Protein backbone atom coordinates (compact mmCIF):
# COMPACT_ATOMS: atom_id res chain seq x y z
CA UNK A 1 7.93 -38.25 -44.93
CA UNK A 2 7.94 -39.21 -41.31
CA UNK A 3 10.77 -36.49 -40.98
CA UNK A 4 8.84 -33.55 -42.61
CA UNK A 5 5.66 -34.58 -40.33
CA UNK A 6 8.26 -34.32 -37.53
CA UNK A 7 9.28 -30.99 -38.78
CA UNK A 8 5.65 -29.56 -39.27
CA UNK A 9 4.55 -30.43 -35.52
CA UNK A 10 8.05 -28.98 -34.57
CA UNK A 11 7.36 -25.73 -36.21
CA UNK A 12 3.91 -26.00 -34.67
CA UNK A 13 4.81 -26.16 -31.27
CA UNK A 14 7.53 -23.41 -32.33
CA UNK A 15 4.62 -20.79 -33.07
CA UNK A 16 2.49 -21.89 -30.57
CA UNK A 17 5.31 -20.69 -27.93
CA UNK A 18 5.77 -17.57 -29.67
CA UNK A 19 2.03 -16.69 -29.65
CA UNK A 20 2.13 -17.48 -26.07
CA UNK A 21 5.11 -15.37 -25.26
CA UNK A 22 3.69 -12.56 -27.19
CA UNK A 23 0.29 -12.66 -25.08
CA UNK A 24 -0.17 -9.28 -23.53
CA UNK A 25 0.41 -8.78 -19.38
CA UNK A 26 -2.74 -8.22 -17.99
CA UNK A 27 -2.15 -5.64 -15.38
CA UNK A 28 -5.14 -4.81 -12.61
CA UNK A 29 -4.15 -0.45 -11.79
CA UNK A 30 -5.72 1.47 -9.27
CA UNK A 31 -7.60 4.45 -10.59
CA UNK A 32 -4.97 7.14 -9.07
CA UNK A 33 -2.36 5.51 -11.60
CA UNK A 34 -4.42 5.76 -14.98
CA UNK A 35 -2.71 8.74 -16.35
CA UNK A 36 0.54 7.74 -15.58
CA UNK A 37 0.30 3.87 -16.57
CA UNK A 38 -0.40 5.11 -20.13
CA UNK A 39 3.29 6.42 -20.14
CA UNK A 40 4.61 3.64 -18.01
CA UNK A 41 2.86 0.82 -20.71
CA UNK A 42 4.79 3.14 -23.99
CA UNK A 43 7.71 2.92 -21.89
CA UNK A 44 8.06 -0.77 -20.78
CA UNK A 45 6.99 -1.97 -24.39
CA UNK A 46 9.85 0.36 -26.20
CA UNK A 47 11.89 -1.03 -23.43
CA UNK A 48 11.04 -5.11 -23.62
CA UNK A 49 8.63 -5.34 -26.75
CA UNK A 50 6.00 -6.51 -24.17
CA UNK A 51 2.61 -4.82 -24.41
CA UNK A 52 1.00 -4.29 -20.96
CA UNK A 53 -2.67 -3.99 -20.69
CA UNK A 54 -4.42 -1.63 -17.71
CA UNK A 55 -7.81 -2.42 -16.01
CA UNK A 56 -8.46 0.47 -13.76
CA UNK A 57 -10.77 0.51 -10.78
CA UNK A 58 -10.49 1.16 -7.20
CA UNK A 59 -7.92 -1.02 -5.07
CA UNK A 60 -10.78 -2.88 -2.74
CA UNK A 61 -12.55 -3.26 -6.15
CA UNK A 62 -9.77 -5.03 -7.89
CA UNK A 63 -8.93 -7.24 -4.73
CA UNK A 64 -12.42 -8.63 -4.60
CA UNK A 65 -12.30 -9.29 -8.37
CA UNK A 66 -8.65 -11.14 -8.18
CA UNK A 67 -10.15 -13.12 -5.19
CA UNK A 68 -13.18 -14.56 -7.32
CA UNK A 69 -10.92 -15.45 -9.81
CA UNK A 70 -10.15 -12.47 -12.25
CA UNK A 71 -7.13 -13.46 -14.35
CA UNK A 72 -4.94 -10.39 -13.77
CA UNK A 73 -1.23 -10.76 -13.75
CA UNK A 74 -0.09 -7.94 -12.12
CA UNK A 75 -1.81 -5.64 -9.46
CA UNK A 76 -0.80 -1.89 -8.70
CA UNK A 77 -2.46 -0.99 -5.81
CA UNK A 78 -2.72 2.46 -4.18
CA UNK A 79 -2.11 1.10 -0.86
CA UNK A 80 0.10 -2.00 0.59
CA UNK A 81 -2.85 -3.77 2.55
CA UNK A 82 -4.71 -5.30 -0.63
CA UNK A 83 -1.95 -7.24 -2.00
CA UNK A 84 -0.61 -8.03 1.38
CA UNK A 85 -3.66 -9.85 1.74
CA UNK A 86 -3.59 -11.68 -1.77
CA UNK A 87 -0.14 -12.67 -1.08
CA UNK A 88 -1.38 -13.98 2.68
CA UNK A 89 -3.92 -16.16 1.18
CA UNK A 90 -1.99 -17.48 -1.89
CA UNK A 91 -3.16 -15.28 -4.89
CA UNK A 92 0.01 -13.42 -4.79
CA UNK A 93 3.40 -14.70 -5.11
CA UNK A 94 5.72 -12.76 -3.30
CA UNK A 95 4.78 -9.90 -0.86
CA UNK A 96 3.74 -6.73 -2.25
CA UNK A 97 6.86 -3.87 -2.96
CA UNK A 98 6.28 -0.32 -2.76
CA UNK A 99 6.78 1.38 -6.15
CA UNK A 100 5.60 4.96 -5.35
CA UNK A 101 4.13 7.15 -2.22
CA UNK A 102 0.90 8.78 -3.37
CA UNK A 103 0.38 12.36 -2.32
CA UNK A 104 -3.31 13.72 -1.57
CA UNK A 105 -4.84 16.66 -2.99
CA UNK A 106 -7.94 18.95 -3.03
CA UNK A 107 -8.75 19.73 -6.48
CA UNK A 108 -11.69 22.09 -7.64
CA UNK A 109 -12.88 24.18 -10.91
CA UNK A 110 -14.72 26.78 -8.89
CA UNK A 111 -12.60 30.04 -8.11
CA UNK A 112 -12.06 29.27 -4.76
CA UNK A 113 -9.15 30.99 -2.34
CA UNK A 114 -7.33 27.51 -2.09
CA UNK A 115 -4.77 29.53 0.31
CA UNK A 116 -7.57 29.10 3.10
CA UNK A 117 -6.22 25.29 2.76
CA UNK A 118 -8.62 22.33 4.53
CA UNK A 119 -10.76 25.45 5.75
CA UNK A 120 -12.10 26.06 1.72
CA UNK A 121 -14.23 23.10 2.99
CA UNK A 122 -16.84 24.94 5.07
CA UNK A 123 -17.41 27.95 3.10
CA UNK A 124 -20.99 28.19 2.47
CA UNK A 125 -20.83 28.04 -1.19
CA UNK A 126 -19.22 24.49 -0.86
CA UNK A 127 -22.36 22.43 -1.39
CA UNK A 128 -20.53 18.85 -2.49
CA UNK A 129 -17.32 17.37 -1.74
CA UNK A 130 -15.93 14.47 -3.29
CA UNK A 131 -13.83 11.68 -2.23
CA UNK A 132 -13.71 7.88 -3.10
CA UNK A 133 -15.21 5.27 -0.83
CA UNK A 134 -12.74 4.67 1.97
CA UNK A 135 -13.84 1.33 2.14
CA UNK A 136 -12.43 0.84 -1.40
CA UNK A 137 -9.98 3.16 -1.84
CA UNK A 138 -7.04 3.94 0.12
CA UNK A 139 -7.09 7.69 -1.18
CA UNK A 140 -10.51 7.89 0.43
CA UNK A 141 -9.84 6.28 3.44
CA UNK A 142 -7.00 9.10 4.10
CA UNK A 143 -9.20 11.99 3.09
CA UNK A 144 -11.06 10.94 5.78
CA UNK A 145 -7.96 10.86 8.09
CA UNK A 146 -7.03 14.31 7.09
CA UNK A 147 -10.54 15.46 7.69
CA UNK A 148 -10.70 14.01 11.24
CA UNK A 149 -6.98 15.19 12.09
CA UNK A 150 -8.29 18.65 11.10
CA UNK A 151 -11.64 18.18 13.20
CA UNK A 152 -13.65 19.25 10.14
CA UNK A 153 -15.66 15.72 9.70
CA UNK A 154 -18.61 16.44 11.65
CA UNK A 155 -18.77 20.09 9.55
CA UNK A 156 -18.74 18.62 6.49
CA UNK A 157 -19.56 15.23 6.35
CA UNK A 158 -23.44 16.22 4.98
CA UNK A 159 -21.62 17.43 1.80
CA UNK A 160 -19.73 14.40 1.24
CA UNK A 161 -20.43 12.64 -1.95
CA UNK A 162 -18.59 9.21 -2.48
CA UNK A 163 -17.39 8.09 -5.82
CA UNK A 164 -16.32 4.37 -6.35
CA UNK A 165 -12.85 5.01 -7.25
CA UNK A 166 -10.45 8.26 -7.95
CA UNK A 167 -11.83 8.10 -11.54
CA UNK A 168 -15.30 8.68 -10.48
CA UNK A 169 -14.00 11.52 -8.11
CA UNK A 170 -12.58 12.93 -11.21
CA UNK A 171 -15.42 12.59 -13.00
CA UNK A 172 -17.46 14.45 -10.46
CA UNK A 173 -14.97 17.57 -10.38
CA UNK A 174 -14.51 17.68 -13.94
CA UNK A 175 -17.76 17.85 -14.94
CA UNK A 176 -18.52 20.25 -11.69
CA UNK A 177 -21.27 18.03 -10.25
CA UNK A 178 -19.50 18.62 -7.16
CA UNK A 179 -17.64 22.19 -5.98
CA UNK A 180 -14.40 20.28 -4.95
CA UNK A 181 -12.85 16.95 -4.10
CA UNK A 182 -10.06 14.55 -3.01
CA UNK A 183 -7.83 13.30 -5.58
CA UNK A 184 -4.05 12.23 -6.10
CA UNK A 185 -1.20 14.62 -7.06
CA UNK A 186 -0.91 12.24 -10.30
CA UNK A 187 -4.29 13.17 -11.60
CA UNK A 188 -3.77 17.13 -11.28
CA UNK A 189 -0.05 16.82 -12.65
CA UNK A 190 -1.31 14.60 -15.85
CA UNK A 191 -1.30 16.63 -19.22
CA UNK A 192 -4.84 15.95 -19.73
CA UNK A 193 -5.96 18.23 -16.24
CA UNK A 194 -3.18 20.88 -16.82
CA UNK A 195 -4.38 24.08 -16.85
CA UNK A 196 -7.79 22.82 -15.30
CA UNK A 197 -8.93 24.51 -12.13
CA UNK A 198 -6.91 24.88 -9.01
CA UNK A 199 -5.53 22.25 -6.26
CA UNK A 200 -3.64 22.34 -2.98
CA UNK A 201 -1.46 19.11 -1.64
CA UNK A 202 -3.22 18.36 1.73
CA UNK A 203 -0.70 18.75 4.30
CA UNK A 204 1.40 15.13 4.66
CA UNK A 205 1.41 15.50 8.47
CA UNK A 206 -2.43 15.07 8.43
CA UNK A 207 -2.90 11.70 6.81
CA UNK A 208 -0.92 7.99 6.94
CA UNK A 209 1.64 7.59 4.10
CA UNK A 210 -0.13 6.41 0.73
CA UNK A 211 2.55 3.67 0.04
CA UNK A 212 1.67 1.94 -3.09
CA UNK A 213 2.27 -2.12 -3.47
CA UNK A 214 3.08 -3.97 -6.70
CA UNK A 215 2.57 -7.62 -6.46
CA UNK A 216 2.73 -10.73 -9.51
CA UNK A 217 -0.41 -12.63 -9.22
CA UNK A 218 -0.65 -16.48 -9.29
CA UNK A 219 -2.17 -15.92 -12.38
CA UNK A 220 0.64 -13.96 -14.06
CA UNK A 221 2.78 -16.35 -12.43
CA UNK A 222 1.37 -19.73 -13.85
CA UNK A 223 0.67 -18.01 -17.57
CA UNK A 224 2.74 -15.28 -18.17
CA UNK A 225 5.74 -15.66 -15.98
CA UNK A 226 8.21 -13.99 -17.64
CA UNK A 227 6.56 -10.64 -18.73
CA UNK A 228 5.34 -10.48 -15.24
CA UNK A 229 8.67 -10.20 -13.59
CA UNK A 230 10.25 -8.14 -16.88
CA UNK A 231 7.39 -5.52 -15.57
CA UNK A 232 8.11 -5.62 -12.04
CA UNK A 233 11.95 -5.14 -12.66
CA UNK A 234 10.94 -2.18 -15.19
CA UNK A 235 8.99 -0.36 -12.37
CA UNK A 236 11.92 -0.31 -10.41
CA UNK A 237 14.14 0.97 -13.40
CA UNK A 238 15.11 4.81 -13.96
CA UNK A 239 12.91 5.21 -16.96
CA UNK A 240 9.84 4.21 -14.58
CA UNK A 241 11.02 6.29 -11.42
CA UNK A 242 11.37 9.30 -13.91
CA UNK A 243 7.92 8.72 -15.06
CA UNK A 244 6.41 8.61 -11.50
CA UNK A 245 8.41 11.64 -10.05
CA UNK A 246 7.09 13.70 -13.03
CA UNK A 247 3.34 12.95 -11.86
CA UNK A 248 3.93 13.63 -8.38
CA UNK A 249 4.52 10.35 -6.68
CA UNK A 250 7.18 10.32 -3.99
CA UNK A 251 9.56 7.66 -4.53
CA UNK A 252 10.55 4.38 -2.23
């Protein structure tokens, strides 16, 4: 009888371990990576059998949520500054690694002559220009830098509409709530957006490189360490790099 009880307890413990091992990975994802993450998640599961669930917001908002105790395992930021600050505060277990460099674009659903480059923003029929909040979103921060580079900020500032994230900016543009906006190249290259409107790359010498960092968070290291480590390894794999490159990211 004692032997049967011991076997029963052992079986329960084994099942509990298996359930814990199957726990999905909780990944906090910068909004510019939303469309890309769908393919990364699917390929990661195919390669490892591990589920990865994404939560999407601006990097600044995610950063604040993590500091407030949000139970994320991995953070895919749109920059290096937010994940570096988490590491310095002991909320990430290692310094962030660059997984991709983002590209800033102007996107519109209106029939503007995009060969004008950034000067298209000064057209009189452009009434509203969307960009992500520079305080929360690295793409918004670099959009402001590009406007300053071309000395256009003072001219177009009355037209600027700030979204909480790239995701909200995309909604503004896609619903024609604004005439044009700054977004990520990964958005306009997404299959869901193919053939919608026109876009142009903002010249890369007008803003700082958008190096995007990934970190394993303290929560992930404590509760889902193996899955988090495997996801980090996957993000440097040829399969992940091929997906990132397809969406217009520059690879490290």
